[in-house]
Amino acid sequence: MSWPLFFAFATAAGFVLGALVAGYLGLGEDE
């Protein structure tokens, strides 16, 4: 796997994970 591809994949995965965590915490605060 080339570095550019790895970097793009890691960035996308990190962004999605961060969005899921932020949404989960947001829902938790509403309750």
Protein backbone atom coordinates (compact mmCIF):
# COMPACT_ATOMS: atom_id res chain seq x y z
CA MET A 1 0.00 0.00 0.00
CA SER A 2 1.37 3.40 -0.99
CA TRP A 3 1.68 6.17 1.59
CA PRO A 4 -0.77 8.57 -0.17
CA LEU A 5 -3.42 5.86 -0.24
CA PHE A 6 -2.78 4.91 3.39
CA PHE A 7 -2.92 8.57 4.46
CA ALA A 8 -6.21 9.14 2.60
CA PHE A 9 -7.74 5.97 4.09
CA ALA A 10 -6.60 6.84 7.63
CA THR A 11 -7.93 10.40 7.30
CA ALA A 12 -11.32 9.21 6.03
CA ALA A 13 -11.56 6.53 8.73
CA GLY A 14 -10.59 9.02 11.44
CA PHE A 15 -13.16 11.54 10.20
CA VAL A 16 -15.96 8.94 10.16
CA LEU A 17 -14.99 7.63 13.60
CA GLY A 18 -14.88 11.16 15.00
CA ALA A 19 -18.32 11.91 13.53
CA LEU A 20 -19.80 8.74 15.04
CA VAL A 21 -18.31 9.48 18.47
CA ALA A 22 -19.49 13.11 18.34
CA GLY A 23 -23.00 11.98 17.38
CA TYR A 24 -23.03 9.34 20.13
CA LEU A 25 -21.95 11.87 22.77
CA GLY A 26 -24.50 14.36 21.44
CA LEU A 27 -27.33 11.84 21.79
CA GLY A 28 -26.09 10.90 25.26
CA GLU A 29 -26.22 14.53 26.39
CA ASP A 30 -29.80 14.90 25.15
CA GLU A 31 -31.01 12.14 27.46
